[in-house]
């Protein structure tokens, strides 16, 4: 007997809130609802607190994979919710409230508008079969970061007019009275920065601000700005959170909204091996990563369309440098002196396939792009 089709999470969740079938999820205002968020380690956590998470595990067909694992139910629900940032926005995180732990979300779109998958060439089907490899603080720049900012600004000032003289001089630590703090990281999600100001606003630049986007072939599945401070890290995982890492967490999107069956099959094969995934860290010297699970990851900052004779595969359980800030400043200086081309700073990471191998980036099943936003200013 064929199992019923999996429902769309957004429609399913809104229906649960409106019908009041479960005691936890409920309306708290126009287009706003709350979801109970009691940690499973609490002694008073019972089946009632996990009903909505179990219900989605049943509806999504995941209940057969982990029939009694309450933590996995919650992770499955959380990933589905986070991957629909165009539909739901968390406006209050009360998950640490001892008396009534919950989160409040706002429905920011009343209709779901998912772009369809671009048409692909017949040849793409041949290329689809890959070699799948498995095996909360206030911001004040540190001394080393200030040195880096000064080096970058010194290079940049030569090419700008008087309108930008507000950047002249040394970069000093901002006045705490003038500098707001970023909100504390949510339990399951990296810090999302407020509206990015224009270049001309006097706002402290930070080496810890990254733009992260996840692409499944031609389709951008997720794009967000995060702040990975010197005291935090970011775990890119697939339904396998690791609380012991003491890191913010970002879950790879599911393939539910993809249309091509072969793409879904091969992408899911890679996702099943990502699991604990990748740990990202930003230091004063650069951006670093640790591959934590079987899925092989290849990283490059060079032209992705040009094959590399020896693609750089990240070793498992070893911290490696993805981008050196010192090298970037050196290459930027060379560029300003017309001695070389513009330095590359976008980190492309390909999961499960060799890269770069001369194939277009859009043909790769899973690509993660990491962009240090400070480099865009220079």
Foldseek 3Di string as FASTA:
>chain_A
DDDDDQDQLVVVVVVCQVVVPAVAWYDPDVQKIKQFQEDPVDPPDDPSNQVVLVVNCVRRVVCVVPVPDSLLSVLVSVQSVVLPCVFKDWDDAQQVPPPTGMTMIGGNDPDDDDDADDDDDPVLVVVLDFQFFFFFDFDWDDPLLQVLVQLVVVLVVVPDDPLQCVPPDGDDTDDPVPGDGFHDQHPAAAGADPDDDDPSDPDDADLQKKWKWKDFQQDTSDITIGGADQVAKEWEAASADDVVRVHHYHYDHQCVRYDDPSLNVSLVVLRVFQGRHKIWHQDSFAIKIARATTKWKFKDQDDQQDADPDTHIHDHPDIDGRDTSVVQSVVSNCVSVVNDPHDGAKMKMAIRHGTSGNDDPSSGRIIMIMHRVVVVSD
